[in-house]
């Protein structure tokens, strides 16, 4: 299942390079509420801002997705990634809406991937501290460097994954 998502995300990235307005249509932005673009919380997970962005996300997705599939199941991965990812998108949109960031357009799988990372941090106590430090670093360090990232999506996704992991069987996960 993880490999399929990596393939589809890569295909979406390549195909969207050729369509005008694809980022406005499929990224998560104010069109979500203004024009009822209800698909954006899901479609934004397949959009990426650059080749480096998608490569970094797909490497991390490949690693954590396959770990969760092996330790739990493809169904667990599917629910965490897609349900958690859409929930993260909705929370991230809530942030940009509440703080009147009308020019923001959220793209990328980072929020959904953060759900997987939060889940791993929750179910394997040996990973809690390192994964928490890592998510804080990848969320806050780019801000210090002046990079425009959806840090709030990373943190929301991590929280959703962590909470989901509280109800799961605890396991040691080899990373």
C-alpha atoms as a PDB file:
ATOM      1  CA  UNK A   1       0.000   0.000   0.000  1.00  0.00           C
ATOM      2  CA  UNK A   2       2.815   2.431   0.886  1.00  0.00           C
ATOM      3  CA  UNK A   3       4.543   1.772  -2.426  1.00  0.00           C
ATOM      4  CA  UNK A   4       1.309   2.520  -4.298  1.00  0.00           C
ATOM      5  CA  UNK A   5       0.933   5.840  -2.467  1.00  0.00           C
ATOM      6  CA  UNK A   6       4.564   6.737  -3.258  1.00  0.00           C
ATOM      7  CA  UNK A   7       3.955   5.913  -6.931  1.00  0.00           C
ATOM      8  CA  UNK A   8       0.681   7.865  -7.126  1.00  0.00           C
ATOM      9  CA  UNK A   9       2.195  10.879  -5.352  1.00  0.00           C
ATOM     10  CA  UNK A  10       5.137  10.885  -7.743  1.00  0.00           C
ATOM     11  CA  UNK A  11       2.815  10.546 -10.738  1.00  0.00           C
ATOM     12  CA  UNK A  12       0.637  13.399  -9.446  1.00  0.00           C
ATOM     13  CA  UNK A  13       3.694  15.611  -8.997  1.00  0.00           C
ATOM     14  CA  UNK A  14       4.920  14.934 -12.532  1.00  0.00           C
ATOM     15  CA  UNK A  15       1.520  15.389 -14.146  1.00  0.00           C
ATOM     16  CA  UNK A  16       0.688  18.606 -12.282  1.00  0.00           C
ATOM     17  CA  UNK A  17       3.781  20.286 -13.696  1.00  0.00           C
ATOM     18  CA  UNK A  18       1.949  20.531 -17.013  1.00  0.00           C
ATOM     19  CA  UNK A  19      -1.424  21.868 -15.891  1.00  0.00           C
ATOM     20  CA  UNK A  20      -1.968  25.571 -15.369  1.00  0.00           C
ATOM     21  CA  UNK A  21      -3.645  26.394 -12.047  1.00  0.00           C
ATOM     22  CA  UNK A  22      -3.200  22.851 -10.719  1.00  0.00           C
ATOM     23  CA  UNK A  23      -1.751  24.107  -7.450  1.00  0.00           C
ATOM     24  CA  UNK A  24      -4.688  26.479  -6.919  1.00  0.00           C
ATOM     25  CA  UNK A  25      -7.175  23.719  -7.735  1.00  0.00           C
ATOM     26  CA  UNK A  26      -5.585  20.866  -5.804  1.00  0.00           C
ATOM     27  CA  UNK A  27      -3.524  22.544  -3.078  1.00  0.00           C
ATOM     28  CA  UNK A  28      -5.339  23.428   0.144  1.00  0.00           C
ATOM     29  CA  UNK A  29      -6.326  27.096   0.130  1.00  0.00           C
ATOM     30  CA  UNK A  30      -9.265  29.440   0.601  1.00  0.00           C
ATOM     31  CA  UNK A  31     -11.025  27.945  -2.447  1.00  0.00           C
ATOM     32  CA  UNK A  32     -11.859  25.071  -0.102  1.00  0.00           C
ATOM     33  CA  UNK A  33     -14.541  27.199   1.554  1.00  0.00           C
ATOM     34  CA  UNK A  34     -15.128  29.927  -1.035  1.00  0.00           C
ATOM     35  CA  UNK A  35     -15.900  27.619  -3.958  1.00  0.00           C
ATOM     36  CA  UNK A  36     -16.620  24.300  -2.208  1.00  0.00           C
ATOM     37  CA  UNK A  37     -13.428  22.624  -3.402  1.00  0.00           C
ATOM     38  CA  UNK A  38     -14.130  19.735  -1.006  1.00  0.00           C
ATOM     39  CA  UNK A  39     -11.379  17.521  -2.485  1.00  0.00           C
ATOM     40  CA  UNK A  40      -8.538  19.803  -1.399  1.00  0.00           C
ATOM     41  CA  UNK A  41      -7.850  18.250   2.034  1.00  0.00           C
ATOM     42  CA  UNK A  42      -7.080  14.981   0.202  1.00  0.00           C
ATOM     43  CA  UNK A  43      -5.644  16.231  -3.097  1.00  0.00           C
ATOM     44  CA  UNK A  44      -3.188  18.561  -1.363  1.00  0.00           C
ATOM     45  CA  UNK A  45      -1.472  15.470   0.070  1.00  0.00           C
ATOM     46  CA  UNK A  46      -0.444  14.525  -3.486  1.00  0.00           C
ATOM     47  CA  UNK A  47       0.799  17.983  -4.503  1.00  0.00           C
ATOM     48  CA  UNK A  48       4.381  19.061  -3.861  1.00  0.00           C
ATOM     49  CA  UNK A  49       6.145  22.357  -4.356  1.00  0.00           C
ATOM     50  CA  UNK A  50       9.408  21.088  -5.822  1.00  0.00           C
ATOM     51  CA  UNK A  51      11.349  18.001  -6.784  1.00  0.00           C
ATOM     52  CA  UNK A  52      13.299  18.171  -3.499  1.00  0.00           C
ATOM     53  CA  UNK A  53      10.012  18.443  -1.570  1.00  0.00           C
ATOM     54  CA  UNK A  54       8.534  15.288  -3.079  1.00  0.00           C
ATOM     55  CA  UNK A  55      11.779  13.308  -2.892  1.00  0.00           C
ATOM     56  CA  UNK A  56      12.202  14.067   0.819  1.00  0.00           C
ATOM     57  CA  UNK A  57       8.559  13.257   1.563  1.00  0.00           C
ATOM     58  CA  UNK A  58       8.514  10.029  -0.443  1.00  0.00           C
ATOM     59  CA  UNK A  59      11.707   8.706   1.177  1.00  0.00           C
ATOM     60  CA  UNK A  60      10.246   9.288   4.647  1.00  0.00           C
ATOM     61  CA  UNK A  61       6.833   7.944   3.610  1.00  0.00           C
ATOM     62  CA  UNK A  62       8.472   4.811   2.188  1.00  0.00           C
ATOM     63  CA  UNK A  63      10.345   4.226   5.433  1.00  0.00           C
ATOM     64  CA  UNK A  64       7.576   4.865   7.969  1.00  0.00           C
ATOM     65  CA  UNK A  65       4.722   3.518   5.845  1.00  0.00           C
ATOM     66  CA  UNK A  66       6.433   0.174   5.332  1.00  0.00           C
ATOM     67  CA  UNK A  67       7.348  -0.059   9.019  1.00  0.00           C
ATOM     68  CA  UNK A  68       3.692   0.398   9.994  1.00  0.00           C
ATOM     69  CA  UNK A  69       2.480  -2.032   7.324  1.00  0.00           C
ATOM     70  CA  UNK A  70       4.891  -4.736   8.522  1.00  0.00           C
ATOM     71  CA  UNK A  71       4.222  -4.241  12.235  1.00  0.00           C
ATOM     72  CA  UNK A  72       0.465  -3.661  12.025  1.00  0.00           C
ATOM     73  CA  UNK A  73      -1.220  -3.982   8.613  1.00  0.00           C
ATOM     74  CA  UNK A  74      -1.904  -2.315   5.285  1.00  0.00           C
ATOM     75  CA  UNK A  75      -5.288  -1.288   6.687  1.00  0.00           C
ATOM     76  CA  UNK A  76      -3.621   0.431   9.650  1.00  0.00           C
ATOM     77  CA  UNK A  77      -1.331   2.318   7.280  1.00  0.00           C
ATOM     78  CA  UNK A  78      -4.272   3.278   5.055  1.00  0.00           C
ATOM     79  CA  UNK A  79      -6.344   4.602   7.943  1.00  0.00           C
ATOM     80  CA  UNK A  80      -3.460   6.461   9.549  1.00  0.00           C
ATOM     81  CA  UNK A  81      -2.236   7.994   6.318  1.00  0.00           C
ATOM     82  CA  UNK A  82      -5.504   8.927   4.650  1.00  0.00           C
ATOM     83  CA  UNK A  83      -7.887   9.535   7.542  1.00  0.00           C
ATOM     84  CA  UNK A  84      -5.133  11.097   9.649  1.00  0.00           C
ATOM     85  CA  UNK A  85      -3.845  13.031   6.651  1.00  0.00           C
ATOM     86  CA  UNK A  86      -7.238  14.509   5.789  1.00  0.00           C
ATOM     87  CA  UNK A  87      -7.817  15.369   9.462  1.00  0.00           C
ATOM     88  CA  UNK A  88      -4.417  17.060   9.513  1.00  0.00           C
ATOM     89  CA  UNK A  89      -5.305  18.993   6.356  1.00  0.00           C
ATOM     90  CA  UNK A  90      -8.539  20.189   7.930  1.00  0.00           C
ATOM     91  CA  UNK A  91      -6.694  21.317  11.075  1.00  0.00           C
ATOM     92  CA  UNK A  92      -4.025  23.040   8.971  1.00  0.00           C
ATOM     93  CA  UNK A  93      -6.737  24.803   6.994  1.00  0.00           C
ATOM     94  CA  UNK A  94      -8.323  25.840  10.283  1.00  0.00           C
ATOM     95  CA  UNK A  95      -5.027  27.492  11.195  1.00  0.00           C
ATOM     96  CA  UNK A  96      -4.713  29.460   7.950  1.00  0.00           C
ATOM     97  CA  UNK A  97      -8.391  30.409   8.125  1.00  0.00           C
ATOM     98  CA  UNK A  98      -8.287  31.479  11.785  1.00  0.00           C
ATOM     99  CA  UNK A  99      -5.166  33.579  11.277  1.00  0.00           C
ATOM    100  CA  UNK A 100      -6.407  35.086   8.001  1.00  0.00           C
ATOM    101  CA  UNK A 101      -3.574  33.691   5.913  1.00  0.00           C
ATOM    102  CA  UNK A 102      -5.627  33.982   2.731  1.00  0.00           C
ATOM    103  CA  UNK A 103      -2.569  33.789   0.481  1.00  0.00           C
ATOM    104  CA  UNK A 104      -1.437  30.395   1.807  1.00  0.00           C
ATOM    105  CA  UNK A 105      -1.648  27.284  -0.335  1.00  0.00           C
ATOM    106  CA  UNK A 106      -0.761  24.092   1.533  1.00  0.00           C
ATOM    107  CA  UNK A 107       0.785  21.304  -0.534  1.00  0.00           C
ATOM    108  CA  UNK A 108       2.608  18.135   0.396  1.00  0.00           C
ATOM    109  CA  UNK A 109       2.328  14.879   2.258  1.00  0.00           C
ATOM    110  CA  UNK A 110       4.236  16.127   5.310  1.00  0.00           C
ATOM    111  CA  UNK A 111       1.147  16.395   7.513  1.00  0.00           C
ATOM    112  CA  UNK A 112       0.033  12.837   6.696  1.00  0.00           C
ATOM    113  CA  UNK A 113       3.595  11.556   7.121  1.00  0.00           C
ATOM    114  CA  UNK A 114       3.727  13.305  10.491  1.00  0.00           C
ATOM    115  CA  UNK A 115       0.703  11.210  11.496  1.00  0.00           C
ATOM    116  CA  UNK A 116       2.790   8.090  10.827  1.00  0.00           C
ATOM    117  CA  UNK A 117       5.733   9.508  12.780  1.00  0.00           C
ATOM    118  CA  UNK A 118       3.480  10.414  15.718  1.00  0.00           C
ATOM    119  CA  UNK A 119       2.022   6.905  15.680  1.00  0.00           C
ATOM    120  CA  UNK A 120       5.510   5.360  15.803  1.00  0.00           C
ATOM    121  CA  UNK A 121       6.447   7.692  18.673  1.00  0.00           C
ATOM    122  CA  UNK A 122       3.368   6.565  20.567  1.00  0.00           C
ATOM    123  CA  UNK A 123       3.534   2.798  20.065  1.00  0.00           C
ATOM    124  CA  UNK A 124       7.282   2.392  20.616  1.00  0.00           C
ATOM    125  CA  UNK A 125       8.446   4.139  23.770  1.00  0.00           C
ATOM    126  CA  UNK A 126      12.074   3.931  22.620  1.00  0.00           C
ATOM    127  CA  UNK A 127      11.116   6.206  19.699  1.00  0.00           C
ATOM    128  CA  UNK A 128       9.044   8.779  21.624  1.00  0.00           C
ATOM    129  CA  UNK A 129      11.842  11.199  22.493  1.00  0.00           C
ATOM    130  CA  UNK A 130      13.800  10.993  19.206  1.00  0.00           C
ATOM    131  CA  UNK A 131      10.666  11.297  17.053  1.00  0.00           C
ATOM    132  CA  UNK A 132       9.395  14.244  19.113  1.00  0.00           C
ATOM    133  CA  UNK A 133      12.733  16.031  18.770  1.00  0.00           C
ATOM    134  CA  UNK A 134      12.808  15.245  15.053  1.00  0.00           C
ATOM    135  CA  UNK A 135       9.292  16.570  14.370  1.00  0.00           C
ATOM    136  CA  UNK A 136      10.064  19.748  16.299  1.00  0.00           C
ATOM    137  CA  UNK A 137      13.313  20.177  14.374  1.00  0.00           C
ATOM    138  CA  UNK A 138      11.765  19.694  10.915  1.00  0.00           C
ATOM    139  CA  UNK A 139       8.877  21.959  11.879  1.00  0.00           C
ATOM    140  CA  UNK A 140      10.689  24.822  13.580  1.00  0.00           C
ATOM    141  CA  UNK A 141      14.215  24.878  12.134  1.00  0.00           C
ATOM    142  CA  UNK A 142      12.992  25.848   8.631  1.00  0.00           C
ATOM    143  CA  UNK A 143      11.147  28.784  10.200  1.00  0.00           C
ATOM    144  CA  UNK A 144      14.384  30.020  11.752  1.00  0.00           C
ATOM    145  CA  UNK A 145      16.003  29.718   8.321  1.00  0.00           C
ATOM    146  CA  UNK A 146      13.163  31.716   6.748  1.00  0.00           C
ATOM    147  CA  UNK A 147      11.681  28.833   4.759  1.00  0.00           C
ATOM    148  CA  UNK A 148       7.954  28.798   4.105  1.00  0.00           C
ATOM    149  CA  UNK A 149       6.632  25.472   5.406  1.00  0.00           C
ATOM    150  CA  UNK A 150       3.353  24.374   6.992  1.00  0.00           C
ATOM    151  CA  UNK A 151       4.894  23.700  10.413  1.00  0.00           C
ATOM    152  CA  UNK A 152       1.405  23.665  11.930  1.00  0.00           C
ATOM    153  CA  UNK A 153       0.494  20.689   9.704  1.00  0.00           C
ATOM    154  CA  UNK A 154       3.562  18.795  10.935  1.00  0.00           C
ATOM    155  CA  UNK A 155       2.642  19.380  14.569  1.00  0.00           C
ATOM    156  CA  UNK A 156      -1.062  18.630  14.064  1.00  0.00           C
ATOM    157  CA  UNK A 157      -0.254  15.421  12.181  1.00  0.00           C
ATOM    158  CA  UNK A 158       2.194  14.287  14.841  1.00  0.00           C
ATOM    159  CA  UNK A 159      -0.452  14.901  17.529  1.00  0.00           C
ATOM    160  CA  UNK A 160      -3.111  12.973  15.606  1.00  0.00           C
ATOM    161  CA  UNK A 161      -0.738  10.040  15.080  1.00  0.00           C
ATOM    162  CA  UNK A 162       0.373  10.057  18.689  1.00  0.00           C
ATOM    163  CA  UNK A 163      -3.224   9.992  19.925  1.00  0.00           C
ATOM    164  CA  UNK A 164      -4.068   7.185  17.471  1.00  0.00           C
ATOM    165  CA  UNK A 165      -1.133   5.197  18.807  1.00  0.00           C
ATOM    166  CA  UNK A 166      -2.403   5.393  22.374  1.00  0.00           C
ATOM    167  CA  UNK A 167      -5.079   2.833  21.504  1.00  0.00           C
ATOM    168  CA  UNK A 168      -2.765   0.525  19.546  1.00  0.00           C
ATOM    169  CA  UNK A 169      -0.776  -2.464  20.711  1.00  0.00           C
ATOM    170  CA  UNK A 170       2.664  -1.307  21.817  1.00  0.00           C
ATOM    171  CA  UNK A 171       5.543  -2.731  19.783  1.00  0.00           C
ATOM    172  CA  UNK A 172       9.244  -2.218  19.228  1.00  0.00           C
ATOM    173  CA  UNK A 173       9.603  -0.938  15.666  1.00  0.00           C
ATOM    174  CA  UNK A 174      12.893  -1.380  13.867  1.00  0.00           C
ATOM    175  CA  UNK A 175      13.785   1.796  11.994  1.00  0.00           C
END
